[in-house]
C-alpha atoms as a PDB file:
ATOM      1  CA  UNK A   1      -0.074   0.009  -0.183  1.00  0.00           C
ATOM      2  CA  UNK A   2       1.327   3.480  -1.071  1.00  0.00           C
ATOM      3  CA  UNK A   3      -0.067   6.910   0.136  1.00  0.00           C
ATOM      4  CA  UNK A   4       1.306   9.402  -2.210  1.00  0.00           C
ATOM      5  CA  UNK A   5       4.834   8.076  -2.678  1.00  0.00           C
ATOM      6  CA  UNK A   6       5.209   6.800   1.065  1.00  0.00           C
ATOM      7  CA  UNK A   7       5.577   2.868   0.806  1.00  0.00           C
ATOM      8  CA  UNK A   8       3.844   1.006   3.588  1.00  0.00           C
ATOM      9  CA  UNK A   9       3.986  -2.316   2.179  1.00  0.00           C
ATOM     10  CA  UNK A  10       1.710  -5.315   1.974  1.00  0.00           C
ATOM     11  CA  UNK A  11      -1.160  -5.107   4.526  1.00  0.00           C
ATOM     12  CA  UNK A  12       0.062  -2.223   6.740  1.00  0.00           C
ATOM     13  CA  UNK A  13      -0.984  -1.954  10.410  1.00  0.00           C
ATOM     14  CA  UNK A  14      -1.450   1.260  11.625  1.00  0.00           C
ATOM     15  CA  UNK A  15      -1.647   3.461  15.143  1.00  0.00           C
ATOM     16  CA  UNK A  16      -4.635   5.264  15.250  1.00  0.00           C
ATOM     17  CA  UNK A  17      -3.812   8.946  16.494  1.00  0.00           C
ATOM     18  CA  UNK A  18      -5.619   9.187  20.134  1.00  0.00           C
ATOM     19  CA  UNK A  19      -5.560  11.793  22.578  1.00  0.00           C
ATOM     20  CA  UNK A  20      -3.803  11.811  25.776  1.00  0.00           C
ATOM     21  CA  UNK A  21      -2.328   8.497  24.527  1.00  0.00           C
ATOM     22  CA  UNK A  22      -0.041   8.447  21.302  1.00  0.00           C
ATOM     23  CA  UNK A  23       2.633  10.786  22.805  1.00  0.00           C
ATOM     24  CA  UNK A  24       6.000  10.387  21.674  1.00  0.00           C
ATOM     25  CA  UNK A  25       7.079   7.919  24.237  1.00  0.00           C
ATOM     26  CA  UNK A  26       3.944   5.490  23.512  1.00  0.00           C
ATOM     27  CA  UNK A  27       4.645   6.080  19.721  1.00  0.00           C
ATOM     28  CA  UNK A  28       8.099   5.194  20.270  1.00  0.00           C
ATOM     29  CA  UNK A  29       7.214   1.520  22.217  1.00  0.00           C
ATOM     30  CA  UNK A  30       4.612   0.993  19.065  1.00  0.00           C
ATOM     31  CA  UNK A  31       7.137   1.427  16.647  1.00  0.00           C
ATOM     32  CA  UNK A  32       9.384  -1.000  18.204  1.00  0.00           C
ATOM     33  CA  UNK A  33       6.617  -3.722  17.869  1.00  0.00           C
ATOM     34  CA  UNK A  34       6.449  -2.925  14.207  1.00  0.00           C
ATOM     35  CA  UNK A  35       3.704  -0.295  13.809  1.00  0.00           C
ATOM     36  CA  UNK A  36       3.834   0.650   9.894  1.00  0.00           C
ATOM     37  CA  UNK A  37       2.555   4.076  10.477  1.00  0.00           C
ATOM     38  CA  UNK A  38       1.319   6.118  13.241  1.00  0.00           C
ATOM     39  CA  UNK A  39       0.069   9.773  14.160  1.00  0.00           C
ATOM     40  CA  UNK A  40       0.477  12.077  16.665  1.00  0.00           C
ATOM     41  CA  UNK A  41      -2.678  13.037  18.997  1.00  0.00           C
ATOM     42  CA  UNK A  42      -4.801  15.422  17.252  1.00  0.00           C
ATOM     43  CA  UNK A  43      -3.828  19.000  17.553  1.00  0.00           C
ATOM     44  CA  UNK A  44      -6.791  21.817  17.810  1.00  0.00           C
ATOM     45  CA  UNK A  45      -6.164  24.052  14.968  1.00  0.00           C
ATOM     46  CA  UNK A  46      -7.545  26.844  17.015  1.00  0.00           C
ATOM     47  CA  UNK A  47      -5.150  25.747  19.542  1.00  0.00           C
ATOM     48  CA  UNK A  48      -1.948  25.940  16.870  1.00  0.00           C
ATOM     49  CA  UNK A  49      -3.488  29.757  15.648  1.00  0.00           C
ATOM     50  CA  UNK A  50      -3.486  30.966  18.959  1.00  0.00           C
ATOM     51  CA  UNK A  51       0.144  29.417  19.709  1.00  0.00           C
ATOM     52  CA  UNK A  52      -0.986  27.062  22.681  1.00  0.00           C
ATOM     53  CA  UNK A  53       2.188  25.749  23.991  1.00  0.00           C
ATOM     54  CA  UNK A  54       0.361  22.476  25.044  1.00  0.00           C
ATOM     55  CA  UNK A  55      -0.822  22.130  21.456  1.00  0.00           C
ATOM     56  CA  UNK A  56       2.528  23.762  19.761  1.00  0.00           C
ATOM     57  CA  UNK A  57       4.169  20.428  21.695  1.00  0.00           C
ATOM     58  CA  UNK A  58       2.211  17.842  19.744  1.00  0.00           C
ATOM     59  CA  UNK A  59       3.989  18.541  16.641  1.00  0.00           C
ATOM     60  CA  UNK A  60       7.249  17.238  17.711  1.00  0.00           C
ATOM     61  CA  UNK A  61       8.125  14.180  15.612  1.00  0.00           C
ATOM     62  CA  UNK A  62      11.154  12.456  15.325  1.00  0.00           C
ATOM     63  CA  UNK A  63      12.967  10.782  12.461  1.00  0.00           C
ATOM     64  CA  UNK A  64      13.121   7.133  13.667  1.00  0.00           C
ATOM     65  CA  UNK A  65       8.822   7.508  14.133  1.00  0.00           C
ATOM     66  CA  UNK A  66       8.734   8.086  10.395  1.00  0.00           C
ATOM     67  CA  UNK A  67       5.995   7.801   8.172  1.00  0.00           C
ATOM     68  CA  UNK A  68       4.474   9.474  10.684  1.00  0.00           C
ATOM     69  CA  UNK A  69       1.287  12.095  10.408  1.00  0.00           C
ATOM     70  CA  UNK A  70       0.120  14.399  12.148  1.00  0.00           C
ATOM     71  CA  UNK A  71      -3.989  15.007  12.498  1.00  0.00           C
ATOM     72  CA  UNK A  72      -5.725  18.332  12.453  1.00  0.00           C
ATOM     73  CA  UNK A  73      -9.498  18.746  13.833  1.00  0.00           C
ATOM     74  CA  UNK A  74     -11.209  22.068  13.529  1.00  0.00           C
ATOM     75  CA  UNK A  75     -14.755  23.518  12.034  1.00  0.00           C
ATOM     76  CA  UNK A  76     -13.710  26.709  10.584  1.00  0.00           C
ATOM     77  CA  UNK A  77     -11.933  26.048   7.443  1.00  0.00           C
ATOM     78  CA  UNK A  78      -9.612  29.118   7.423  1.00  0.00           C
ATOM     79  CA  UNK A  79      -8.151  28.353  10.603  1.00  0.00           C
ATOM     80  CA  UNK A  80      -7.854  24.799   9.635  1.00  0.00           C
ATOM     81  CA  UNK A  81      -6.010  25.636   6.177  1.00  0.00           C
ATOM     82  CA  UNK A  82      -3.745  28.218   8.242  1.00  0.00           C
ATOM     83  CA  UNK A  83      -2.964  25.516  10.998  1.00  0.00           C
ATOM     84  CA  UNK A  84      -1.764  22.727   7.827  1.00  0.00           C
ATOM     85  CA  UNK A  85       0.393  25.114   6.515  1.00  0.00           C
ATOM     86  CA  UNK A  86       1.506  25.552  10.237  1.00  0.00           C
ATOM     87  CA  UNK A  87       1.980  21.767  10.524  1.00  0.00           C
ATOM     88  CA  UNK A  88       3.741  21.237   7.385  1.00  0.00           C
ATOM     89  CA  UNK A  89       6.950  23.134   8.666  1.00  0.00           C
ATOM     90  CA  UNK A  90       6.885  20.357  11.549  1.00  0.00           C
ATOM     91  CA  UNK A  91       7.813  17.989   8.815  1.00  0.00           C
ATOM     92  CA  UNK A  92       5.391  15.398   9.057  1.00  0.00           C
ATOM     93  CA  UNK A  93       5.288  12.574   6.293  1.00  0.00           C
ATOM     94  CA  UNK A  94       1.684  13.100   6.201  1.00  0.00           C
ATOM     95  CA  UNK A  95      -1.485  15.634   7.504  1.00  0.00           C
ATOM     96  CA  UNK A  96      -4.343  13.752   8.477  1.00  0.00           C
ATOM     97  CA  UNK A  97      -7.939  15.426   8.994  1.00  0.00           C
ATOM     98  CA  UNK A  98      -9.954  14.092  11.848  1.00  0.00           C
ATOM     99  CA  UNK A  99     -13.931  14.013  10.718  1.00  0.00           C
ATOM    100  CA  UNK A 100     -14.357  11.322  13.110  1.00  0.00           C
ATOM    101  CA  UNK A 101     -13.605  12.147  16.865  1.00  0.00           C
ATOM    102  CA  UNK A 102     -17.024  11.544  18.910  1.00  0.00           C
ATOM    103  CA  UNK A 103     -16.513  13.344  21.621  1.00  0.00           C
ATOM    104  CA  UNK A 104     -18.987  15.942  22.696  1.00  0.00           C
ATOM    105  CA  UNK A 105     -17.080  18.937  23.085  1.00  0.00           C
ATOM    106  CA  UNK A 106     -15.264  18.538  19.367  1.00  0.00           C
ATOM    107  CA  UNK A 107     -18.463  17.254  17.820  1.00  0.00           C
ATOM    108  CA  UNK A 108     -20.792  19.935  19.105  1.00  0.00           C
ATOM    109  CA  UNK A 109     -18.788  22.348  17.848  1.00  0.00           C
ATOM    110  CA  UNK A 110     -18.835  20.960  14.140  1.00  0.00           C
ATOM    111  CA  UNK A 111     -15.585  19.768  14.488  1.00  0.00           C
ATOM    112  CA  UNK A 112     -14.555  16.006  14.437  1.00  0.00           C
ATOM    113  CA  UNK A 113     -17.396  13.644  13.496  1.00  0.00           C
ATOM    114  CA  UNK A 114     -19.593  16.870  13.801  1.00  0.00           C
ATOM    115  CA  UNK A 115     -18.564  17.873  10.507  1.00  0.00           C
ATOM    116  CA  UNK A 116     -20.463  14.787   8.834  1.00  0.00           C
ATOM    117  CA  UNK A 117     -23.445  16.702   9.551  1.00  0.00           C
ATOM    118  CA  UNK A 118     -21.724  19.402   6.904  1.00  0.00           C
ATOM    119  CA  UNK A 119     -20.821  17.120   3.792  1.00  0.00           C
ATOM    120  CA  UNK A 120     -20.351  20.050   1.773  1.00  0.00           C
ATOM    121  CA  UNK A 121     -18.159  22.081   4.084  1.00  0.00           C
ATOM    122  CA  UNK A 122     -16.395  19.054   5.235  1.00  0.00           C
ATOM    123  CA  UNK A 123     -15.448  18.484   1.422  1.00  0.00           C
ATOM    124  CA  UNK A 124     -14.731  21.710   0.532  1.00  0.00           C
ATOM    125  CA  UNK A 125     -12.614  22.609   3.878  1.00  0.00           C
ATOM    126  CA  UNK A 126     -10.796  19.144   2.898  1.00  0.00           C
ATOM    127  CA  UNK A 127     -10.065  20.896  -0.791  1.00  0.00           C
ATOM    128  CA  UNK A 128      -8.510  24.023   0.402  1.00  0.00           C
ATOM    129  CA  UNK A 129      -6.010  22.002   2.534  1.00  0.00           C
ATOM    130  CA  UNK A 130      -5.212  19.971  -0.079  1.00  0.00           C
ATOM    131  CA  UNK A 131      -4.455  22.840  -2.506  1.00  0.00           C
ATOM    132  CA  UNK A 132      -2.796  24.718   0.504  1.00  0.00           C
ATOM    133  CA  UNK A 133       0.047  22.191   1.344  1.00  0.00           C
ATOM    134  CA  UNK A 134       2.650  19.936  -0.537  1.00  0.00           C
ATOM    135  CA  UNK A 135       2.356  17.410   1.908  1.00  0.00           C
ATOM    136  CA  UNK A 136      -0.224  14.269   1.327  1.00  0.00           C
ATOM    137  CA  UNK A 137      -3.151  15.102   2.763  1.00  0.00           C
ATOM    138  CA  UNK A 138      -5.613  12.240   4.360  1.00  0.00           C
ATOM    139  CA  UNK A 139      -8.557  12.144   6.130  1.00  0.00           C
ATOM    140  CA  UNK A 140     -10.000   9.661   8.814  1.00  0.00           C
ATOM    141  CA  UNK A 141     -13.922   9.602   9.615  1.00  0.00           C
ATOM    142  CA  UNK A 142     -17.072   7.349  10.138  1.00  0.00           C
ATOM    143  CA  UNK A 143     -19.922   5.941   8.672  1.00  0.00           C
ATOM    144  CA  UNK A 144     -21.957   9.259   9.296  1.00  0.00           C
ATOM    145  CA  UNK A 145     -23.615  11.098  11.991  1.00  0.00           C
ATOM    146  CA  UNK A 146     -26.477   8.621  13.148  1.00  0.00           C
ATOM    147  CA  UNK A 147     -27.989   5.300  11.645  1.00  0.00           C
ATOM    148  CA  UNK A 148     -30.152   7.767   9.203  1.00  0.00           C
ATOM    149  CA  UNK A 149     -27.367   9.387   7.776  1.00  0.00           C
ATOM    150  CA  UNK A 150     -24.870   7.165   6.724  1.00  0.00           C
ATOM    151  CA  UNK A 151     -23.015   8.821   3.655  1.00  0.00           C
ATOM    152  CA  UNK A 152     -19.845   7.472   3.697  1.00  0.00           C
ATOM    153  CA  UNK A 153     -20.212   5.703   0.050  1.00  0.00           C
ATOM    154  CA  UNK A 154     -21.162   9.054  -1.560  1.00  0.00           C
ATOM    155  CA  UNK A 155     -18.341  11.188   0.666  1.00  0.00           C
ATOM    156  CA  UNK A 156     -15.831   8.507   0.090  1.00  0.00           C
ATOM    157  CA  UNK A 157     -15.754   9.749  -3.774  1.00  0.00           C
ATOM    158  CA  UNK A 158     -16.058  12.865  -3.042  1.00  0.00           C
ATOM    159  CA  UNK A 159     -12.862  13.130  -0.751  1.00  0.00           C
ATOM    160  CA  UNK A 160     -11.122  11.459  -3.407  1.00  0.00           C
ATOM    161  CA  UNK A 161     -12.193  13.810  -5.877  1.00  0.00           C
ATOM    162  CA  UNK A 162     -10.558  16.968  -3.598  1.00  0.00           C
ATOM    163  CA  UNK A 163      -7.646  15.235  -3.699  1.00  0.00           C
ATOM    164  CA  UNK A 164      -6.804  13.017  -0.638  1.00  0.00           C
ATOM    165  CA  UNK A 165      -3.981  10.470  -0.545  1.00  0.00           C
ATOM    166  CA  UNK A 166      -5.759   8.144   1.185  1.00  0.00           C
ATOM    167  CA  UNK A 167      -9.180   7.661   3.714  1.00  0.00           C
ATOM    168  CA  UNK A 168      -9.426   5.666   6.935  1.00  0.00           C
ATOM    169  CA  UNK A 169     -12.972   4.865   8.048  1.00  0.00           C
ATOM    170  CA  UNK A 170     -14.122   4.016  11.476  1.00  0.00           C
ATOM    171  CA  UNK A 171     -16.927   1.670  11.408  1.00  0.00           C
ATOM    172  CA  UNK A 172     -19.397   3.664  13.686  1.00  0.00           C
ATOM    173  CA  UNK A 173     -21.609   6.649  13.656  1.00  0.00           C
ATOM    174  CA  UNK A 174     -20.955   9.262  15.742  1.00  0.00           C
ATOM    175  CA  UNK A 175     -24.072   8.449  17.474  1.00  0.00           C
ATOM    176  CA  UNK A 176     -22.554   5.287  18.399  1.00  0.00           C
ATOM    177  CA  UNK A 177     -19.684   6.797  20.280  1.00  0.00           C
ATOM    178  CA  UNK A 178     -17.768   3.232  20.867  1.00  0.00           C
ATOM    179  CA  UNK A 179     -20.947   1.533  21.585  1.00  0.00           C
ATOM    180  CA  UNK A 180     -21.785  -1.890  20.140  1.00  0.00           C
ATOM    181  CA  UNK A 181     -20.119  -3.757  17.742  1.00  0.00           C
ATOM    182  CA  UNK A 182     -18.108  -1.663  14.810  1.00  0.00           C
ATOM    183  CA  UNK A 183     -20.080  -2.053  11.258  1.00  0.00           C
ATOM    184  CA  UNK A 184     -17.580  -3.162   8.383  1.00  0.00           C
ATOM    185  CA  UNK A 185     -19.932  -3.467   5.949  1.00  0.00           C
ATOM    186  CA  UNK A 186     -20.246   0.037   4.235  1.00  0.00           C
ATOM    187  CA  UNK A 187     -16.075   0.128   4.478  1.00  0.00           C
ATOM    188  CA  UNK A 188     -16.104  -2.911   2.312  1.00  0.00           C
ATOM    189  CA  UNK A 189     -18.695  -1.075   0.139  1.00  0.00           C
ATOM    190  CA  UNK A 190     -16.278   1.757  -0.094  1.00  0.00           C
ATOM    191  CA  UNK A 191     -13.146  -0.539  -0.993  1.00  0.00           C
ATOM    192  CA  UNK A 192     -15.488  -2.283  -3.403  1.00  0.00           C
ATOM    193  CA  UNK A 193     -16.450   1.279  -5.374  1.00  0.00           C
ATOM    194  CA  UNK A 194     -14.458   0.862  -8.649  1.00  0.00           C
ATOM    195  CA  UNK A 195     -14.231   4.524  -8.881  1.00  0.00           C
ATOM    196  CA  UNK A 196     -12.065   4.480  -5.198  1.00  0.00           C
ATOM    197  CA  UNK A 197      -8.143   4.151  -6.649  1.00  0.00           C
ATOM    198  CA  UNK A 198      -6.996   5.779  -3.067  1.00  0.00           C
ATOM    199  CA  UNK A 199      -6.004   3.230  -0.041  1.00  0.00           C
ATOM    200  CA  UNK A 200      -8.926   2.435   2.102  1.00  0.00           C
ATOM    201  CA  UNK A 201      -7.621   2.002   5.755  1.00  0.00           C
ATOM    202  CA  UNK A 202     -10.445   0.042   8.212  1.00  0.00           C
ATOM    203  CA  UNK A 203     -11.039   0.929  11.871  1.00  0.00           C
ATOM    204  CA  UNK A 204     -12.769  -0.530  14.575  1.00  0.00           C
ATOM    205  CA  UNK A 205     -12.868  -3.066  17.092  1.00  0.00           C
ATOM    206  CA  UNK A 206      -9.705  -4.473  16.012  1.00  0.00           C
ATOM    207  CA  UNK A 207      -8.846  -6.354  19.027  1.00  0.00           C
ATOM    208  CA  UNK A 208      -6.524  -9.447  17.947  1.00  0.00           C
ATOM    209  CA  UNK A 209      -4.691 -10.860  15.728  1.00  0.00           C
ATOM    210  CA  UNK A 210      -7.487 -13.126  13.975  1.00  0.00           C
ATOM    211  CA  UNK A 211      -9.476 -10.023  14.041  1.00  0.00           C
ATOM    212  CA  UNK A 212      -7.205  -8.216  12.338  1.00  0.00           C
ATOM    213  CA  UNK A 213      -6.939 -10.940   9.238  1.00  0.00           C
ATOM    214  CA  UNK A 214     -10.248 -11.592   9.019  1.00  0.00           C
ATOM    215  CA  UNK A 215     -10.921  -7.717   8.399  1.00  0.00           C
ATOM    216  CA  UNK A 216      -8.331  -7.745   5.713  1.00  0.00           C
ATOM    217  CA  UNK A 217      -9.612 -11.038   4.122  1.00  0.00           C
ATOM    218  CA  UNK A 218     -13.361 -10.355   4.068  1.00  0.00           C
ATOM    219  CA  UNK A 219     -13.376  -6.649   3.276  1.00  0.00           C
ATOM    220  CA  UNK A 220     -10.427  -6.067   1.314  1.00  0.00           C
ATOM    221  CA  UNK A 221      -9.348  -3.267   2.815  1.00  0.00           C
ATOM    222  CA  UNK A 222      -5.507  -1.907   1.806  1.00  0.00           C
ATOM    223  CA  UNK A 223      -4.583  -1.163   5.458  1.00  0.00           C
ATOM    224  CA  UNK A 224      -6.183  -1.574   9.168  1.00  0.00           C
ATOM    225  CA  UNK A 225      -5.734   0.871  12.065  1.00  0.00           C
ATOM    226  CA  UNK A 226      -5.390  -0.161  15.753  1.00  0.00           C
ATOM    227  CA  UNK A 227      -6.805   2.212  18.536  1.00  0.00           C
ATOM    228  CA  UNK A 228      -8.367   1.273  22.022  1.00  0.00           C
ATOM    229  CA  UNK A 229      -6.612  -2.302  21.886  1.00  0.00           C
ATOM    230  CA  UNK A 230      -2.852  -1.046  21.903  1.00  0.00           C
ATOM    231  CA  UNK A 231      -4.036   0.226  25.380  1.00  0.00           C
ATOM    232  CA  UNK A 232      -1.474  -1.548  27.749  1.00  0.00           C
ATOM    233  CA  UNK A 233      -0.455  -3.882  24.358  1.00  0.00           C
ATOM    234  CA  UNK A 234       1.512  -2.377  22.312  1.00  0.00           C
ATOM    235  CA  UNK A 235       2.877  -5.654  21.314  1.00  0.00           C
ATOM    236  CA  UNK A 236      -0.568  -6.483  19.136  1.00  0.00           C
ATOM    237  CA  UNK A 237       1.385  -4.831  16.177  1.00  0.00           C
ATOM    238  CA  UNK A 238       4.048  -7.217  16.400  1.00  0.00           C
ATOM    239  CA  UNK A 239       1.136 -10.321  17.219  1.00  0.00           C
ATOM    240  CA  UNK A 240      -0.605  -8.996  14.018  1.00  0.00           C
ATOM    241  CA  UNK A 241       2.003  -8.613  12.027  1.00  0.00           C
ATOM    242  CA  UNK A 242       3.404 -12.251  13.110  1.00  0.00           C
ATOM    243  CA  UNK A 243       0.216 -13.824  12.249  1.00  0.00           C
ATOM    244  CA  UNK A 244      -0.351 -12.131   8.742  1.00  0.00           C
ATOM    245  CA  UNK A 245       2.823 -13.624   7.532  1.00  0.00           C
ATOM    246  CA  UNK A 246       3.011 -17.091   9.254  1.00  0.00           C
ATOM    247  CA  UNK A 247      -0.731 -17.932  10.469  1.00  0.00           C
ATOM    248  CA  UNK A 248       0.959 -18.418  13.834  1.00  0.00           C
ATOM    249  CA  UNK A 249      -0.351 -17.009  17.277  1.00  0.00           C
ATOM    250  CA  UNK A 250       2.068 -15.741  19.204  1.00  0.00           C
ATOM    251  CA  UNK A 251       1.944 -15.906  22.887  1.00  0.00           C
ATOM    252  CA  UNK A 252       1.242 -13.085  25.337  1.00  0.00           C
ATOM    253  CA  UNK A 253       4.042 -11.465  26.714  1.00  0.00           C
ATOM    254  CA  UNK A 254       4.930 -12.650  30.225  1.00  0.00           C
ATOM    255  CA  UNK A 255       4.972 -10.489  32.792  1.00  0.00           C
ATOM    256  CA  UNK A 256       9.214 -10.693  33.290  1.00  0.00           C
ATOM    257  CA  UNK A 257       8.763  -9.137  29.484  1.00  0.00           C
ATOM    258  CA  UNK A 258       5.956  -6.377  30.549  1.00  0.00           C
ATOM    259  CA  UNK A 259       8.165  -5.205  33.107  1.00  0.00           C
ATOM    260  CA  UNK A 260      10.721  -4.217  30.807  1.00  0.00           C
ATOM    261  CA  UNK A 261       8.586  -2.762  28.294  1.00  0.00           C
ATOM    262  CA  UNK A 262       7.196  -0.638  31.482  1.00  0.00           C
ATOM    263  CA  UNK A 263      10.685   0.553  32.441  1.00  0.00           C
ATOM    264  CA  UNK A 264      11.753   1.377  28.711  1.00  0.00           C
ATOM    265  CA  UNK A 265       8.399   3.311  28.489  1.00  0.00           C
ATOM    266  CA  UNK A 266       8.771   4.821  31.592  1.00  0.00           C
ATOM    267  CA  UNK A 267      12.398   5.994  30.581  1.00  0.00           C
ATOM    268  CA  UNK A 268      11.424   7.211  27.305  1.00  0.00           C
ATOM    269  CA  UNK A 269       8.558   9.158  28.946  1.00  0.00           C
ATOM    270  CA  UNK A 270      10.637  10.984  31.239  1.00  0.00           C
ATOM    271  CA  UNK A 271      13.270  11.979  28.433  1.00  0.00           C
ATOM    272  CA  UNK A 272      10.733  14.030  26.539  1.00  0.00           C
ATOM    273  CA  UNK A 273       8.691  15.554  29.058  1.00  0.00           C
ATOM    274  CA  UNK A 274      10.667  15.706  32.201  1.00  0.00           C
ATOM    275  CA  UNK A 275      10.597  13.612  35.770  1.00  0.00           C
ATOM    276  CA  UNK A 276       7.039  15.127  36.621  1.00  0.00           C
ATOM    277  CA  UNK A 277       5.069  14.908  33.467  1.00  0.00           C
ATOM    278  CA  UNK A 278       6.892  11.993  32.084  1.00  0.00           C
ATOM    279  CA  UNK A 279       5.386  10.058  35.354  1.00  0.00           C
ATOM    280  CA  UNK A 280       1.904  11.290  35.414  1.00  0.00           C
ATOM    281  CA  UNK A 281       1.684  10.347  31.727  1.00  0.00           C
ATOM    282  CA  UNK A 282       3.278   7.119  32.584  1.00  0.00           C
ATOM    283  CA  UNK A 283       0.141   6.197  35.357  1.00  0.00           C
ATOM    284  CA  UNK A 284      -2.683   5.045  32.651  1.00  0.00           C
ATOM    285  CA  UNK A 285      -0.081   3.052  30.861  1.00  0.00           C
ATOM    286  CA  UNK A 286       1.346   1.395  34.129  1.00  0.00           C
ATOM    287  CA  UNK A 287      -2.246   0.103  35.063  1.00  0.00           C
ATOM    288  CA  UNK A 288      -3.022  -1.302  31.832  1.00  0.00           C
ATOM    289  CA  UNK A 289       0.129  -3.157  31.517  1.00  0.00           C
ATOM    290  CA  UNK A 290      -0.240  -5.073  34.433  1.00  0.00           C
ATOM    291  CA  UNK A 291      -4.022  -4.998  34.856  1.00  0.00           C
ATOM    292  CA  UNK A 292      -5.005  -8.513  34.874  1.00  0.00           C
ATOM    293  CA  UNK A 293      -2.794  -9.556  37.970  1.00  0.00           C
ATOM    294  CA  UNK A 294      -4.368 -11.277  41.172  1.00  0.00           C
ATOM    295  CA  UNK A 295      -3.804  -9.394  44.131  1.00  0.00           C
ATOM    296  CA  UNK A 296      -2.046  -6.764  42.560  1.00  0.00           C
ATOM    297  CA  UNK A 297      -3.785  -3.457  44.599  1.00  0.00           C
ATOM    298  CA  UNK A 298      -1.302  -2.299  46.711  1.00  0.00           C
ATOM    299  CA  UNK A 299       1.538  -2.496  43.961  1.00  0.00           C
ATOM    300  CA  UNK A 300      -0.640  -0.692  41.816  1.00  0.00           C
ATOM    301  CA  UNK A 301      -1.192   2.142  44.209  1.00  0.00           C
ATOM    302  CA  UNK A 302       2.468   2.757  44.234  1.00  0.00           C
ATOM    303  CA  UNK A 303       2.573   2.610  40.463  1.00  0.00           C
ATOM    304  CA  UNK A 304      -0.161   5.626  40.290  1.00  0.00           C
ATOM    305  CA  UNK A 305       1.477   7.732  43.436  1.00  0.00           C
ATOM    306  CA  UNK A 306       4.774   7.547  43.162  1.00  0.00           C
ATOM    307  CA  UNK A 307       6.537  10.623  41.516  1.00  0.00           C
ATOM    308  CA  UNK A 308       9.818   9.017  41.907  1.00  0.00           C
ATOM    309  CA  UNK A 309      11.529   7.141  38.987  1.00  0.00           C
ATOM    310  CA  UNK A 310      14.271   4.880  41.260  1.00  0.00           C
ATOM    311  CA  UNK A 311      11.081   3.892  43.244  1.00  0.00           C
ATOM    312  CA  UNK A 312       8.762   3.372  40.231  1.00  0.00           C
ATOM    313  CA  UNK A 313      11.601   1.168  38.368  1.00  0.00           C
ATOM    314  CA  UNK A 314      12.113  -0.833  41.813  1.00  0.00           C
ATOM    315  CA  UNK A 315       8.415  -1.325  42.204  1.00  0.00           C
ATOM    316  CA  UNK A 316       8.775  -2.799  38.443  1.00  0.00           C
ATOM    317  CA  UNK A 317      11.496  -5.246  39.698  1.00  0.00           C
ATOM    318  CA  UNK A 318       9.296  -6.403  42.300  1.00  0.00           C
ATOM    319  CA  UNK A 319       6.518  -7.183  39.940  1.00  0.00           C
ATOM    320  CA  UNK A 320       8.656  -9.248  37.897  1.00  0.00           C
ATOM    321  CA  UNK A 321       9.806 -11.352  40.910  1.00  0.00           C
ATOM    322  CA  UNK A 322       6.754 -11.235  42.673  1.00  0.00           C
ATOM    323  CA  UNK A 323       4.187 -12.453  39.878  1.00  0.00           C
ATOM    324  CA  UNK A 324       7.168 -14.457  37.858  1.00  0.00           C
ATOM    325  CA  UNK A 325       4.883 -17.454  37.629  1.00  0.00           C
ATOM    326  CA  UNK A 326       2.176 -15.833  36.094  1.00  0.00           C
END
């Protein structure tokens, strides 16, 4: 699969952009497990225009992450175009437009999946962004706003005509949020549409290597994107790619392996963001890496309350010894 001149190989597996999750340290870990392409946390066009420090920090990308995309969201066309030019200066490989985020505070302002209610504006915004930058522009979206407005088949054609280089589709409407099962039927219909020439990437409920293969085989998508299933399981990229290549399921990493991963992740988080912020942002990952361990409450409390790197590393070493046979 190619996005413009970016070669991603056959059946690539992409890391979805996720707010407060896909920061540089998490991307570092996912890349080590074979993510073919990754995205930053999504970036507010309003924040970029206002020079908001936290927003600008999200533009930091590193050569070892490539190919990498920066995803933008917003509801004002002029601001989105101006922001795309700012993003281009950060030198990602791709600019992605977020028309899929269902979060209320974003969608109700008309951004993210809120744009699905205004398809003409959505397409025109996309067209202007494509014309304003030299980098490939891609889009991530949903099936529609609700059950009565699943517009993705027609919208996909219009977005292709607007000049995008690839389209990622999440198999839910905005009204569904993340409830129920993702419906890939319309994703498959978009892919089978003889008018569609750009890569189609499927997203939604891919939580295992077997599910990934099923989606490739049943719907013929060019690539898949994994989001929530990476929480506490960044090794899922390695599992999927191994299974696609060999048909063999890899065993889950043992506790000692997860401890070493958590230590590496912590070190990278602290390196990038400093001790305090780096540790605070690791807390959600600590809980996810070890959530299945029995009698873990007291140890978990240390992981999610300590602000000392040395104490955290000692606690991780203790986990490897205490639960070595689990």
